[in-house]
Amino acid sequence: MSDLPGDERESVLDPIERISEILVGLIMAVTIVGAVSIATPGPDDIRTVTVAAFGCNLAWGLVDAVMFLIGTVTERDRNRVLAIRIRGAEPETAHRLIKRALPEYVAALLEPDAIEGIRRRLAGVPPAAHRFLWNLTPRDYQAAFSIFLMVVIATFPVVIPFVLTSDAVLAIRLSRVITLVMMFLAGYVLARYCGDAKPWVAGLTMAVLGVVLIAAVRALGG
């Protein structure tokens, strides 16, 4: 049983998390692609960039999924310890702990009676067992696997030009264009999710960020 709200999610990953993971995979892939030398373009170079991009994102997807699981169990254990502290504290101290644990804008809206209500509810909940690394559910593993897939799938659009053409220079340019289009779409979707009246502005901002990242990669030798 959860000690504090927020452990359960209506969906495996919310739109912000999904887009963030796709962007991570996209940026990783375009970084590897940009790092491949095109001094002597040929079939071997095309194969190298494709394998390198997929290999990098497979590894990063695995790392990202594992870190998600570690972060999940750490947050739950922290919530468990916080709930124990709240139960054993004086009401005034407990109120401060609860407000500190809540998002600032939420805490500012709650009246003292509401905070006291939360304290009383926590006082009536039996302490959760200390399980740490075993405190994971099938839904957590599903979320971790989704993260892995999204990071890896983000590689496909970036490497498609290397499959369609043997011209490494053209393939890299097309790959960067695809990256910018995907970053625009990511910004657009995030802005729509937030209810922004002009999501295309966020899309353009994200695309400009992509230009900056690609320029940085090139400046560093990519």
N, C-alpha and C. Protein backbone atom coordinates (compact mmCIF):
# COMPACT_ATOMS: atom_id res chain seq x y z
N MET A 1 0.85 -1.21 0.00
CA MET A 1 0.00 0.00 0.00
C MET A 1 0.87 1.24 0.00
N SER A 2 0.51 2.23 -0.77
CA SER A 2 1.29 3.45 -0.86
C SER A 2 1.04 4.30 0.37
N ASP A 3 2.09 4.96 0.87
CA ASP A 3 1.96 5.84 2.01
C ASP A 3 1.52 7.23 1.60
N LEU A 4 1.92 7.66 0.46
CA LEU A 4 1.60 9.00 -0.01
C LEU A 4 1.03 8.93 -1.40
N PRO A 5 0.20 9.90 -1.78
CA PRO A 5 -0.34 9.91 -3.13
C PRO A 5 0.77 10.06 -4.15
N GLY A 6 0.50 9.57 -5.36
CA GLY A 6 1.43 9.81 -6.45
C GLY A 6 2.18 8.58 -6.90
N ASP A 7 2.04 7.43 -6.14
CA ASP A 7 2.74 6.23 -6.54
C ASP A 7 2.07 5.55 -7.72
N GLU A 8 0.73 5.67 -7.82
CA GLU A 8 0.01 5.02 -8.90
C GLU A 8 -0.21 5.98 -10.06
N ARG A 9 -0.16 5.46 -11.29
CA ARG A 9 -0.35 6.30 -12.46
C ARG A 9 -1.51 5.75 -13.26
N GLU A 10 -2.27 6.65 -13.85
CA GLU A 10 -3.39 6.20 -14.67
C GLU A 10 -2.89 5.52 -15.92
N SER A 11 -1.77 5.96 -16.46
CA SER A 11 -1.18 5.33 -17.62
C SER A 11 0.26 4.97 -17.29
N VAL A 12 0.83 4.08 -18.08
CA VAL A 12 2.19 3.64 -17.81
C VAL A 12 3.15 4.82 -17.81
N LEU A 13 3.07 5.66 -18.83
CA LEU A 13 3.88 6.87 -18.91
C LEU A 13 2.99 7.99 -19.42
N ASP A 14 3.11 9.18 -18.83
CA ASP A 14 2.31 10.29 -19.32
C ASP A 14 2.95 10.87 -20.57
N PRO A 15 2.23 11.74 -21.32
CA PRO A 15 2.76 12.27 -22.58
C PRO A 15 4.12 12.96 -22.43
N ILE A 16 4.33 13.67 -21.33
CA ILE A 16 5.61 14.35 -21.14
C ILE A 16 6.73 13.33 -21.05
N GLU A 17 6.51 12.25 -20.30
CA GLU A 17 7.53 11.22 -20.16
C GLU A 17 7.79 10.54 -21.50
N ARG A 18 6.73 10.28 -22.25
CA ARG A 18 6.89 9.61 -23.54
C ARG A 18 7.73 10.46 -24.50
N ILE A 19 7.34 11.74 -24.62
CA ILE A 19 8.05 12.63 -25.53
C ILE A 19 9.50 12.80 -25.08
N SER A 20 9.71 12.91 -23.76
CA SER A 20 11.06 13.08 -23.24
C SER A 20 11.95 11.90 -23.61
N GLU A 21 11.42 10.68 -23.47
CA GLU A 21 12.21 9.50 -23.77
C GLU A 21 12.50 9.41 -25.27
N ILE A 22 11.52 9.77 -26.10
CA ILE A 22 11.75 9.77 -27.55
C ILE A 22 12.84 10.78 -27.91
N LEU A 23 12.79 11.96 -27.28
CA LEU A 23 13.81 12.97 -27.56
C LEU A 23 15.19 12.51 -27.13
N VAL A 24 15.26 11.80 -26.01
CA VAL A 24 16.55 11.26 -25.56
C VAL A 24 17.12 10.32 -26.62
N GLY A 25 16.28 9.39 -27.10
CA GLY A 25 16.74 8.47 -28.13
C GLY A 25 17.10 9.18 -29.42
N LEU A 26 16.32 10.18 -29.79
CA LEU A 26 16.56 10.93 -31.01
C LEU A 26 17.89 11.67 -30.95
N ILE A 27 18.12 12.36 -29.83
CA ILE A 27 19.35 13.14 -29.68
C ILE A 27 20.57 12.21 -29.62
N MET A 28 20.43 11.09 -28.93
CA MET A 28 21.53 10.12 -28.88
C MET A 28 21.87 9.62 -30.27
N ALA A 29 20.82 9.28 -31.04
CA ALA A 29 21.05 8.74 -32.38
C ALA A 29 21.71 9.76 -33.30
N VAL A 30 21.20 10.99 -33.29
CA VAL A 30 21.76 12.00 -34.18
C VAL A 30 23.18 12.37 -33.76
N THR A 31 23.48 12.25 -32.47
CA THR A 31 24.84 12.51 -32.01
C THR A 31 25.81 11.47 -32.55
N ILE A 32 25.41 10.20 -32.51
CA ILE A 32 26.25 9.14 -33.04
C ILE A 32 26.42 9.29 -34.54
N VAL A 33 25.31 9.60 -35.22
CA VAL A 33 25.36 9.79 -36.67
C VAL A 33 26.31 10.93 -37.02
N GLY A 34 26.19 12.03 -36.26
CA GLY A 34 27.04 13.18 -36.53
C GLY A 34 28.50 12.93 -36.25
N ALA A 35 28.79 11.95 -35.38
CA ALA A 35 30.17 11.67 -35.01
C ALA A 35 30.89 10.77 -36.02
N VAL A 36 30.14 10.21 -36.99
CA VAL A 36 30.75 9.32 -37.97
C VAL A 36 31.47 10.12 -39.05
N SER A 37 32.68 9.76 -39.33
CA SER A 37 33.45 10.47 -40.35
C SER A 37 32.90 10.18 -41.74
N ILE A 38 32.87 11.24 -42.58
CA ILE A 38 32.38 11.06 -43.96
C ILE A 38 33.50 11.38 -44.95
N ALA A 39 34.72 11.26 -44.47
CA ALA A 39 35.87 11.56 -45.34
C ALA A 39 35.98 10.57 -46.49
N THR A 40 35.64 9.32 -46.20
CA THR A 40 35.71 8.29 -47.24
C THR A 40 34.39 7.53 -47.26
N PRO A 41 33.35 8.15 -47.79
CA PRO A 41 32.03 7.51 -47.79
C PRO A 41 32.02 6.23 -48.60
N GLY A 42 31.26 5.26 -48.12
CA GLY A 42 31.14 3.99 -48.82
C GLY A 42 30.20 3.08 -48.07
N PRO A 43 29.94 1.89 -48.60
CA PRO A 43 29.01 0.96 -47.97
C PRO A 43 29.39 0.63 -46.53
N ASP A 44 30.70 0.49 -46.26
CA ASP A 44 31.14 0.16 -44.91
C ASP A 44 30.78 1.26 -43.93
N ASP A 45 30.90 2.52 -44.38
CA ASP A 45 30.58 3.64 -43.51
C ASP A 45 29.08 3.67 -43.20
N ILE A 46 28.25 3.37 -44.19
CA ILE A 46 26.81 3.34 -43.99
C ILE A 46 26.45 2.28 -42.96
N ARG A 47 27.07 1.10 -43.11
CA ARG A 47 26.80 0.02 -42.16
C ARG A 47 27.27 0.40 -40.76
N THR A 48 28.40 1.07 -40.70
CA THR A 48 28.95 1.46 -39.41
C THR A 48 28.04 2.43 -38.67
N VAL A 49 27.56 3.45 -39.39
CA VAL A 49 26.71 4.44 -38.73
C VAL A 49 25.39 3.83 -38.28
N THR A 50 24.84 2.91 -39.07
CA THR A 50 23.58 2.28 -38.69
C THR A 50 23.74 1.42 -37.45
N VAL A 51 24.79 0.58 -37.46
CA VAL A 51 25.05 -0.29 -36.31
C VAL A 51 25.38 0.53 -35.07
N ALA A 52 26.18 1.59 -35.26
CA ALA A 52 26.57 2.41 -34.11
C ALA A 52 25.36 3.09 -33.48
N ALA A 53 24.47 3.64 -34.32
CA ALA A 53 23.30 4.33 -33.79
C ALA A 53 22.38 3.38 -33.05
N PHE A 54 22.13 2.20 -33.65
CA PHE A 54 21.28 1.23 -32.98
C PHE A 54 21.93 0.71 -31.70
N GLY A 55 23.21 0.42 -31.78
CA GLY A 55 23.92 -0.10 -30.61
C GLY A 55 23.91 0.89 -29.46
N CYS A 56 24.14 2.15 -29.78
CA CYS A 56 24.16 3.20 -28.75
C CYS A 56 22.79 3.32 -28.09
N ASN A 57 21.74 3.34 -28.90
CA ASN A 57 20.40 3.51 -28.34
C ASN A 57 19.90 2.26 -27.62
N LEU A 58 20.35 1.09 -28.04
CA LEU A 58 20.02 -0.12 -27.29
C LEU A 58 20.62 -0.05 -25.89
N ALA A 59 21.89 0.36 -25.84
CA ALA A 59 22.57 0.46 -24.55
C ALA A 59 21.94 1.56 -23.69
N TRP A 60 21.68 2.73 -24.30
CA TRP A 60 21.12 3.83 -23.53
C TRP A 60 19.69 3.53 -23.09
N GLY A 61 18.93 2.84 -23.96
CA GLY A 61 17.57 2.47 -23.59
C GLY A 61 17.57 1.55 -22.38
N LEU A 62 18.51 0.61 -22.34
CA LEU A 62 18.62 -0.30 -21.20
C LEU A 62 18.99 0.46 -19.94
N VAL A 63 19.97 1.36 -20.06
CA VAL A 63 20.39 2.16 -18.90
C VAL A 63 19.24 3.01 -18.40
N ASP A 64 18.53 3.65 -19.32
CA ASP A 64 17.42 4.53 -18.95
C ASP A 64 16.31 3.75 -18.25
N ALA A 65 16.02 2.54 -18.73
CA ALA A 65 14.98 1.71 -18.12
C ALA A 65 15.37 1.29 -16.71
N VAL A 66 16.62 0.90 -16.54
CA VAL A 66 17.09 0.49 -15.21
C VAL A 66 17.06 1.68 -14.25
N MET A 67 17.49 2.85 -14.72
CA MET A 67 17.48 4.04 -13.86
C MET A 67 16.05 4.43 -13.48
N PHE A 68 15.10 4.20 -14.39
CA PHE A 68 13.70 4.46 -14.07
C PHE A 68 13.25 3.59 -12.91
N LEU A 69 13.60 2.30 -12.96
CA LEU A 69 13.22 1.38 -11.88
C LEU A 69 13.87 1.78 -10.55
N ILE A 70 15.14 2.15 -10.62
CA ILE A 70 15.84 2.57 -9.40
C ILE A 70 15.19 3.84 -8.83
N GLY A 71 14.87 4.78 -9.71
CA GLY A 71 14.23 6.01 -9.27
C GLY A 71 12.85 5.74 -8.66
N THR A 72 12.13 4.78 -9.23
CA THR A 72 10.80 4.45 -8.72
C THR A 72 10.87 3.89 -7.31
N VAL A 73 11.76 2.90 -7.10
CA VAL A 73 11.83 2.30 -5.76
C VAL A 73 12.40 3.29 -4.74
N THR A 74 13.30 4.17 -5.19
CA THR A 74 13.86 5.17 -4.27
C THR A 74 12.79 6.15 -3.83
N GLU A 75 11.96 6.59 -4.78
CA GLU A 75 10.90 7.54 -4.45
C GLU A 75 9.89 6.91 -3.49
N ARG A 76 9.55 5.65 -3.73
CA ARG A 76 8.59 4.98 -2.85
C ARG A 76 9.16 4.79 -1.44
N ASP A 77 10.44 4.44 -1.37
CA ASP A 77 11.05 4.26 -0.05
C ASP A 77 11.13 5.60 0.68
N ARG A 78 11.41 6.66 -0.06
CA ARG A 78 11.44 8.00 0.54
C ARG A 78 10.05 8.36 1.07
N ASN A 79 9.02 8.07 0.29
CA ASN A 79 7.64 8.33 0.73
C ASN A 79 7.30 7.54 1.99
N ARG A 80 7.78 6.29 2.05
CA ARG A 80 7.52 5.45 3.22
C ARG A 80 8.15 6.08 4.47
N VAL A 81 9.42 6.50 4.33
CA VAL A 81 10.12 7.10 5.47
C VAL A 81 9.45 8.42 5.86
N LEU A 82 9.04 9.21 4.86
CA LEU A 82 8.38 10.48 5.14
C LEU A 82 7.07 10.26 5.89
N ALA A 83 6.31 9.24 5.47
CA ALA A 83 5.05 8.95 6.14
C ALA A 83 5.28 8.55 7.60
N ILE A 84 6.34 7.79 7.86
CA ILE A 84 6.66 7.40 9.23
C ILE A 84 7.00 8.64 10.06
N ARG A 85 7.78 9.55 9.47
CA ARG A 85 8.14 10.78 10.19
C ARG A 85 6.91 11.62 10.50
N ILE A 86 5.98 11.69 9.53
CA ILE A 86 4.76 12.48 9.73
C ILE A 86 3.92 11.87 10.85
N ARG A 87 3.81 10.54 10.87
CA ARG A 87 3.01 9.88 11.92
C ARG A 87 3.57 10.15 13.31
N GLY A 88 4.90 10.20 13.42
CA GLY A 88 5.52 10.35 14.73
C GLY A 88 5.77 11.78 15.14
N ALA A 89 5.42 12.74 14.30
CA ALA A 89 5.70 14.14 14.60
C ALA A 89 4.51 14.82 15.27
N GLU A 90 4.81 15.94 15.91
CA GLU A 90 3.75 16.79 16.44
C GLU A 90 2.96 17.37 15.26
N PRO A 91 1.67 17.71 15.46
CA PRO A 91 0.85 18.21 14.35
C PRO A 91 1.49 19.35 13.56
N GLU A 92 2.09 20.31 14.26
CA GLU A 92 2.67 21.46 13.56
C GLU A 92 3.84 21.03 12.67
N THR A 93 4.69 20.15 13.23
CA THR A 93 5.81 19.64 12.44
C THR A 93 5.32 18.79 11.28
N ALA A 94 4.30 17.98 11.53
CA ALA A 94 3.74 17.13 10.48
C ALA A 94 3.17 17.97 9.34
N HIS A 95 2.53 19.07 9.69
CA HIS A 95 1.98 19.96 8.66
C HIS A 95 3.09 20.50 7.77
N ARG A 96 4.23 20.88 8.38
CA ARG A 96 5.35 21.40 7.58
C ARG A 96 5.90 20.32 6.65
N LEU A 97 6.01 19.09 7.16
CA LEU A 97 6.52 17.99 6.34
C LEU A 97 5.60 17.71 5.16
N ILE A 98 4.30 17.75 5.41
CA ILE A 98 3.33 17.49 4.34
C ILE A 98 3.41 18.58 3.27
N LYS A 99 3.44 19.83 3.70
CA LYS A 99 3.50 20.94 2.74
C LYS A 99 4.79 20.90 1.94
N ARG A 100 5.88 20.51 2.59
CA ARG A 100 7.16 20.43 1.88
C ARG A 100 7.16 19.31 0.84
N ALA A 101 6.41 18.25 1.12
CA ALA A 101 6.36 17.12 0.20
C ALA A 101 5.47 17.37 -1.01
N LEU A 102 4.53 18.31 -0.88
CA LEU A 102 3.60 18.60 -1.97
C LEU A 102 4.20 19.62 -2.94
N PRO A 103 3.75 19.62 -4.21
CA PRO A 103 4.17 20.69 -5.12
C PRO A 103 3.82 22.05 -4.53
N GLU A 104 4.67 23.03 -4.74
CA GLU A 104 4.52 24.34 -4.10
C GLU A 104 3.16 24.97 -4.39
N TYR A 105 2.70 24.87 -5.64
CA TYR A 105 1.44 25.52 -5.99
C TYR A 105 0.25 24.80 -5.35
N VAL A 106 0.39 23.49 -5.09
CA VAL A 106 -0.68 22.75 -4.41
C VAL A 106 -0.70 23.10 -2.93
N ALA A 107 0.49 23.11 -2.32
CA ALA A 107 0.57 23.43 -0.89
C ALA A 107 0.01 24.82 -0.59
N ALA A 108 0.23 25.76 -1.54
CA ALA A 108 -0.25 27.12 -1.31
C ALA A 108 -1.77 27.21 -1.33
N LEU A 109 -2.43 26.27 -1.97
CA LEU A 109 -3.89 26.30 -2.08
C LEU A 109 -4.60 25.61 -0.92
N LEU A 110 -3.86 24.78 -0.17
CA LEU A 110 -4.49 23.99 0.89
C LEU A 110 -4.61 24.78 2.19
N GLU A 111 -5.79 24.74 2.76
CA GLU A 111 -6.03 25.36 4.06
C GLU A 111 -5.48 24.45 5.16
N PRO A 112 -5.21 25.01 6.36
CA PRO A 112 -4.71 24.19 7.47
C PRO A 112 -5.59 22.98 7.77
N ASP A 113 -6.90 23.12 7.62
CA ASP A 113 -7.80 21.98 7.88
C ASP A 113 -7.55 20.84 6.89
N ALA A 114 -7.26 21.20 5.65
CA ALA A 114 -6.99 20.18 4.63
C ALA A 114 -5.68 19.45 4.94
N ILE A 115 -4.66 20.21 5.36
CA ILE A 115 -3.39 19.61 5.74
C ILE A 115 -3.58 18.68 6.93
N GLU A 116 -4.38 19.10 7.90
CA GLU A 116 -4.65 18.27 9.07
C GLU A 116 -5.39 17.00 8.66
N GLY A 117 -6.27 17.13 7.68
CA GLY A 117 -6.98 15.95 7.18
C GLY A 117 -6.03 14.93 6.58
N ILE A 118 -5.03 15.43 5.84
CA ILE A 118 -4.02 14.53 5.27
C ILE A 118 -3.24 13.84 6.38
N ARG A 119 -2.87 14.61 7.42
CA ARG A 119 -2.11 14.04 8.54
C ARG A 119 -2.90 12.94 9.22
N ARG A 120 -4.17 13.16 9.43
CA ARG A 120 -5.00 12.17 10.11
C ARG A 120 -5.17 10.91 9.26
N ARG A 121 -5.30 11.10 7.96
CA ARG A 121 -5.43 9.94 7.08
C ARG A 121 -4.15 9.11 7.10
N LEU A 122 -3.00 9.80 7.07
CA LEU A 122 -1.72 9.08 7.14
C LEU A 122 -1.57 8.35 8.46
N ALA A 123 -2.05 8.97 9.53
CA ALA A 123 -1.94 8.35 10.85
C ALA A 123 -2.76 7.07 10.93
N GLY A 124 -3.79 6.96 10.10
CA GLY A 124 -4.63 5.78 10.12
C GLY A 124 -4.22 4.70 9.14
N VAL A 125 -3.15 4.96 8.36
CA VAL A 125 -2.68 3.97 7.39
C VAL A 125 -1.54 3.16 8.01
N PRO A 126 -1.63 1.83 7.99
CA PRO A 126 -0.54 1.01 8.54
C PRO A 126 0.76 1.27 7.79
N PRO A 127 1.90 1.27 8.49
CA PRO A 127 3.18 1.49 7.82
C PRO A 127 3.45 0.42 6.77
N ALA A 128 3.96 0.82 5.63
CA ALA A 128 4.30 -0.13 4.58
C ALA A 128 5.59 -0.85 4.94
N ALA A 129 5.71 -2.09 4.49
CA ALA A 129 6.92 -2.86 4.76
C ALA A 129 8.09 -2.29 3.97
N HIS A 130 9.28 -2.42 4.55
CA HIS A 130 10.48 -1.93 3.87
C HIS A 130 10.95 -2.99 2.88
N ARG A 131 10.75 -2.73 1.59
CA ARG A 131 11.11 -3.72 0.57
C ARG A 131 12.13 -3.19 -0.42
N PHE A 132 12.32 -1.92 -0.50
CA PHE A 132 13.23 -1.23 -1.39
C PHE A 132 13.28 -1.85 -2.79
N LEU A 133 14.35 -2.56 -3.16
CA LEU A 133 14.50 -3.03 -4.54
C LEU A 133 13.42 -4.02 -4.96
N TRP A 134 12.69 -4.59 -4.00
CA TRP A 134 11.61 -5.52 -4.34
C TRP A 134 10.27 -4.80 -4.41
N ASN A 135 10.27 -3.51 -4.18
CA ASN A 135 9.03 -2.75 -4.15
C ASN A 135 8.64 -2.30 -5.56
N LEU A 136 8.55 -3.27 -6.46
CA LEU A 136 8.21 -2.99 -7.85
C LEU A 136 7.02 -3.84 -8.27
N THR A 137 6.21 -3.30 -9.17
CA THR A 137 5.02 -3.99 -9.63
C THR A 137 5.17 -4.31 -11.13
N PRO A 138 4.34 -5.20 -11.67
CA PRO A 138 4.38 -5.47 -13.11
C PRO A 138 4.23 -4.19 -13.94
N ARG A 139 3.45 -3.24 -13.43
CA ARG A 139 3.25 -1.97 -14.14
C ARG A 139 4.56 -1.19 -14.23
N ASP A 140 5.39 -1.28 -13.21
CA ASP A 140 6.69 -0.60 -13.23
C ASP A 140 7.59 -1.19 -14.31
N TYR A 141 7.59 -2.52 -14.39
CA TYR A 141 8.41 -3.18 -15.43
C TYR A 141 7.87 -2.87 -16.82
N GLN A 142 6.55 -2.74 -16.92
CA GLN A 142 5.96 -2.37 -18.21
C GLN A 142 6.40 -0.97 -18.61
N ALA A 143 6.44 -0.05 -17.64
CA ALA A 143 6.89 1.32 -17.92
C ALA A 143 8.35 1.32 -18.32
N ALA A 144 9.18 0.53 -17.62
CA ALA A 144 10.60 0.47 -17.95
C ALA A 144 10.81 -0.08 -19.35
N PHE A 145 10.03 -1.11 -19.72
CA PHE A 145 10.15 -1.67 -21.06
C PHE A 145 9.69 -0.67 -22.12
N SER A 146 8.65 0.11 -21.80
CA SER A 146 8.18 1.15 -22.72
C SER A 146 9.27 2.19 -22.95
N ILE A 147 9.96 2.57 -21.89
CA ILE A 147 11.06 3.53 -22.01
C ILE A 147 12.14 2.97 -22.93
N PHE A 148 12.50 1.71 -22.72
CA PHE A 148 13.51 1.07 -23.56
C PHE A 148 13.09 1.10 -25.02
N LEU A 149 11.84 0.73 -25.30
CA LEU A 149 11.35 0.70 -26.68
C LEU A 149 11.37 2.09 -27.31
N MET A 150 10.92 3.10 -26.56
CA MET A 150 10.83 4.45 -27.14
C MET A 150 12.21 5.00 -27.48
N VAL A 151 13.20 4.73 -26.62
CA VAL A 151 14.56 5.20 -26.91
C VAL A 151 15.10 4.52 -28.15
N VAL A 152 14.84 3.21 -28.28
CA VAL A 152 15.35 2.46 -29.44
C VAL A 152 14.60 2.85 -30.71
N ILE A 153 13.27 2.94 -30.63
CA ILE A 153 12.46 3.26 -31.82
C ILE A 153 12.81 4.63 -32.37
N ALA A 154 13.22 5.56 -31.50
CA ALA A 154 13.59 6.90 -31.95
C ALA A 154 14.78 6.86 -32.91
N THR A 155 15.51 5.74 -32.92
CA THR A 155 16.67 5.60 -33.82
C THR A 155 16.24 5.44 -35.26
N PHE A 156 15.12 4.77 -35.50
CA PHE A 156 14.73 4.39 -36.86
C PHE A 156 14.67 5.56 -37.84
N PRO A 157 13.92 6.64 -37.53
CA PRO A 157 13.84 7.73 -38.50
C PRO A 157 15.21 8.34 -38.83
N VAL A 158 16.09 8.36 -37.84
CA VAL A 158 17.40 9.00 -38.04
C VAL A 158 18.28 8.18 -38.97
N VAL A 159 18.17 6.85 -38.93
CA VAL A 159 19.05 6.01 -39.75
C VAL A 159 18.43 5.61 -41.08
N ILE A 160 17.15 5.91 -41.29
CA ILE A 160 16.50 5.55 -42.56
C ILE A 160 17.25 6.09 -43.78
N PRO A 161 17.71 7.37 -43.77
CA PRO A 161 18.46 7.86 -44.94
C PRO A 161 19.69 7.04 -45.26
N PHE A 162 20.32 6.44 -44.26
CA PHE A 162 21.52 5.63 -44.50
C PHE A 162 21.17 4.29 -45.14
N VAL A 163 19.92 3.88 -45.01
CA VAL A 163 19.47 2.65 -45.64
C VAL A 163 19.05 2.92 -47.08
N LEU A 164 18.53 4.13 -47.34
CA LEU A 164 17.98 4.45 -48.65
C LEU A 164 19.02 4.96 -49.64
N THR A 165 20.16 5.45 -49.14
CA THR A 165 21.17 5.99 -50.05
C THR A 165 22.56 5.60 -49.60
N SER A 166 23.45 5.46 -50.56
CA SER A 166 24.85 5.14 -50.25
C SER A 166 25.70 6.39 -50.15
N ASP A 167 25.08 7.54 -50.40
CA ASP A 167 25.78 8.82 -50.28
C ASP A 167 25.75 9.25 -48.81
N ALA A 168 26.88 9.07 -48.11
CA ALA A 168 26.93 9.34 -46.67
C ALA A 168 26.65 10.81 -46.36
N VAL A 169 27.18 11.72 -47.20
CA VAL A 169 26.98 13.15 -46.97
C VAL A 169 25.49 13.50 -47.05
N LEU A 170 24.83 13.02 -48.10
CA LEU A 170 23.40 13.26 -48.27
C LEU A 170 22.61 12.62 -47.13
N ALA A 171 23.00 11.41 -46.76
CA ALA A 171 22.30 10.69 -45.70
C ALA A 171 22.36 11.46 -44.37
N ILE A 172 23.52 12.00 -44.06
CA ILE A 172 23.67 12.75 -42.81
C ILE A 172 22.81 14.01 -42.84
N ARG A 173 22.78 14.69 -43.98
CA ARG A 173 21.95 15.90 -44.09
C ARG A 173 20.48 15.57 -43.93
N LEU A 174 20.04 14.51 -44.61
CA LEU A 174 18.64 14.10 -44.50
C LEU A 174 18.31 13.68 -43.06
N SER A 175 19.26 13.02 -42.42
CA SER A 175 19.06 12.58 -41.04
C SER A 175 18.85 13.77 -40.12
N ARG A 176 19.61 14.83 -40.35
CA ARG A 176 19.48 16.03 -39.52
C ARG A 176 18.14 16.74 -39.78
N VAL A 177 17.70 16.74 -41.03
CA VAL A 177 16.39 17.34 -41.34
C VAL A 177 15.28 16.56 -40.64
N ILE A 178 15.36 15.23 -40.70
CA ILE A 178 14.36 14.40 -40.03
C ILE A 178 14.36 14.67 -38.53
N THR A 179 15.55 14.84 -37.96
CA THR A 179 15.67 15.13 -36.53
C THR A 179 14.95 16.43 -36.18
N LEU A 180 15.17 17.45 -37.00
CA LEU A 180 14.52 18.75 -36.75
C LEU A 180 13.01 18.66 -36.87
N VAL A 181 12.53 17.90 -37.85
CA VAL A 181 11.08 17.73 -38.01
C VAL A 181 10.50 17.02 -36.79
N MET A 182 11.19 15.99 -36.32
CA MET A 182 10.70 15.24 -35.16
C MET A 182 10.74 16.10 -33.90
N MET A 183 11.74 16.94 -33.77
CA MET A 183 11.81 17.82 -32.60
C MET A 183 10.69 18.86 -32.65
N PHE A 184 10.38 19.35 -33.85
CA PHE A 184 9.24 20.27 -33.99
C PHE A 184 7.95 19.58 -33.55
N LEU A 185 7.75 18.36 -34.02
CA LEU A 185 6.54 17.63 -33.66
C LEU A 185 6.48 17.36 -32.16
N ALA A 186 7.64 17.07 -31.56
CA ALA A 186 7.68 16.82 -30.12
C ALA A 186 7.26 18.07 -29.34
N GLY A 187 7.82 19.22 -29.74
CA GLY A 187 7.44 20.47 -29.09
C GLY A 187 5.98 20.80 -29.29
N TYR A 188 5.48 20.53 -30.49
CA TYR A 188 4.07 20.79 -30.80
C TYR A 188 3.15 19.94 -29.92
N VAL A 189 3.47 18.64 -29.82
CA VAL A 189 2.64 17.72 -29.02
C VAL A 189 2.67 18.10 -27.55
N LEU A 190 3.84 18.45 -27.03
CA LEU A 190 3.95 18.85 -25.63
C LEU A 190 3.12 20.11 -25.35
N ALA A 191 3.18 21.06 -26.28
CA ALA A 191 2.41 22.30 -26.10
C ALA A 191 0.91 22.03 -26.15
N ARG A 192 0.49 21.14 -27.05
CA ARG A 192 -0.93 20.77 -27.12
C ARG A 192 -1.36 20.11 -25.82
N TYR A 193 -0.51 19.27 -25.27
CA TYR A 193 -0.82 18.58 -24.01
C TYR A 193 -0.98 19.59 -22.87
N CYS A 194 -0.16 20.65 -22.91
CA CYS A 194 -0.23 21.68 -21.86
C CYS A 194 -1.36 22.67 -22.09
N GLY A 195 -2.05 22.57 -23.24
CA GLY A 195 -3.15 23.47 -23.52
C GLY A 195 -2.72 24.79 -24.12
N ASP A 196 -1.52 24.85 -24.68
CA ASP A 196 -1.01 26.08 -25.28
C ASP A 196 -1.85 26.43 -26.51
N ALA A 197 -2.21 27.70 -26.63
CA ALA A 197 -3.04 28.14 -27.76
C ALA A 197 -2.25 28.19 -29.06
N LYS A 198 -0.92 28.27 -28.96
CA LYS A 198 -0.07 28.33 -30.15
C LYS A 198 1.02 27.26 -30.06
N PRO A 199 0.65 26.01 -30.24
CA PRO A 199 1.63 24.92 -30.10
C PRO A 199 2.76 24.98 -31.12
N TRP A 200 2.50 25.62 -32.26
CA TRP A 200 3.55 25.69 -33.28
C TRP A 200 4.74 26.52 -32.80
N VAL A 201 4.50 27.45 -31.87
CA VAL A 201 5.61 28.25 -31.33
C VAL A 201 6.56 27.34 -30.55
N ALA A 202 5.97 26.46 -29.72
CA ALA A 202 6.80 25.51 -28.97
C ALA A 202 7.50 24.56 -29.92
N GLY A 203 6.81 24.19 -31.02
CA GLY A 203 7.42 23.31 -32.00
C GLY A 203 8.64 23.96 -32.64
N LEU A 204 8.50 25.23 -33.02
CA LEU A 204 9.62 25.95 -33.61
C LEU A 204 10.77 26.11 -32.61
N THR A 205 10.42 26.37 -31.36
CA THR A 205 11.44 26.52 -30.32
C THR A 205 12.22 25.23 -30.16
N MET A 206 11.52 24.10 -30.17
CA MET A 206 12.18 22.81 -30.04
C MET A 206 13.06 22.53 -31.26
N ALA A 207 12.59 22.94 -32.44
CA ALA A 207 13.39 22.75 -33.65
C ALA A 207 14.66 23.59 -33.60
N VAL A 208 14.54 24.82 -33.10
CA VAL A 208 15.73 25.68 -32.95
C VAL A 208 16.71 25.04 -31.97
N LEU A 209 16.18 24.46 -30.91
CA LEU A 209 17.04 23.74 -29.97
C LEU A 209 17.76 22.60 -30.69
N GLY A 210 17.06 21.92 -31.59
CA GLY A 210 17.69 20.87 -32.37
C GLY A 210 18.83 21.40 -33.22
N VAL A 211 18.62 22.58 -33.84
CA VAL A 211 19.68 23.20 -34.64
C VAL A 211 20.91 23.48 -33.77
N VAL A 212 20.66 23.99 -32.57
CA VAL A 212 21.76 24.30 -31.65
C VAL A 212 22.51 23.03 -31.27
N LEU A 213 21.77 21.96 -30.97
CA LEU A 213 22.40 20.71 -30.59
C LEU A 213 23.24 20.13 -31.73
N ILE A 214 22.67 20.16 -32.94
CA ILE A 214 23.41 19.65 -34.10
C ILE A 214 24.66 20.49 -34.34
N ALA A 215 24.54 21.82 -34.21
CA ALA A 215 25.71 22.70 -34.37
C ALA A 215 26.78 22.38 -33.32
N ALA A 216 26.32 22.10 -32.10
CA ALA A 216 27.27 21.77 -31.04
C ALA A 216 27.99 20.47 -31.35
N VAL A 217 27.24 19.49 -31.87
CA VAL A 217 27.85 18.21 -32.24
C VAL A 217 28.90 18.41 -33.33
N ARG A 218 28.56 19.22 -34.31
CA ARG A 218 29.51 19.48 -35.41
C ARG A 218 30.74 20.21 -34.90
N ALA A 219 30.52 21.19 -33.99
CA ALA A 219 31.65 21.94 -33.43
C ALA A 219 32.58 21.05 -32.63
N LEU A 220 32.01 20.00 -32.04
CA LEU A 220 32.83 19.08 -31.23
C LEU A 220 33.44 17.97 -32.06
N GLY A 221 33.27 18.08 -33.38
CA GLY A 221 33.92 17.11 -34.27
C GLY A 221 32.99 16.12 -34.93
N GLY A 222 31.65 16.26 -34.67
CA GLY A 222 30.70 15.33 -35.27
C GLY A 222 30.35 15.69 -36.68
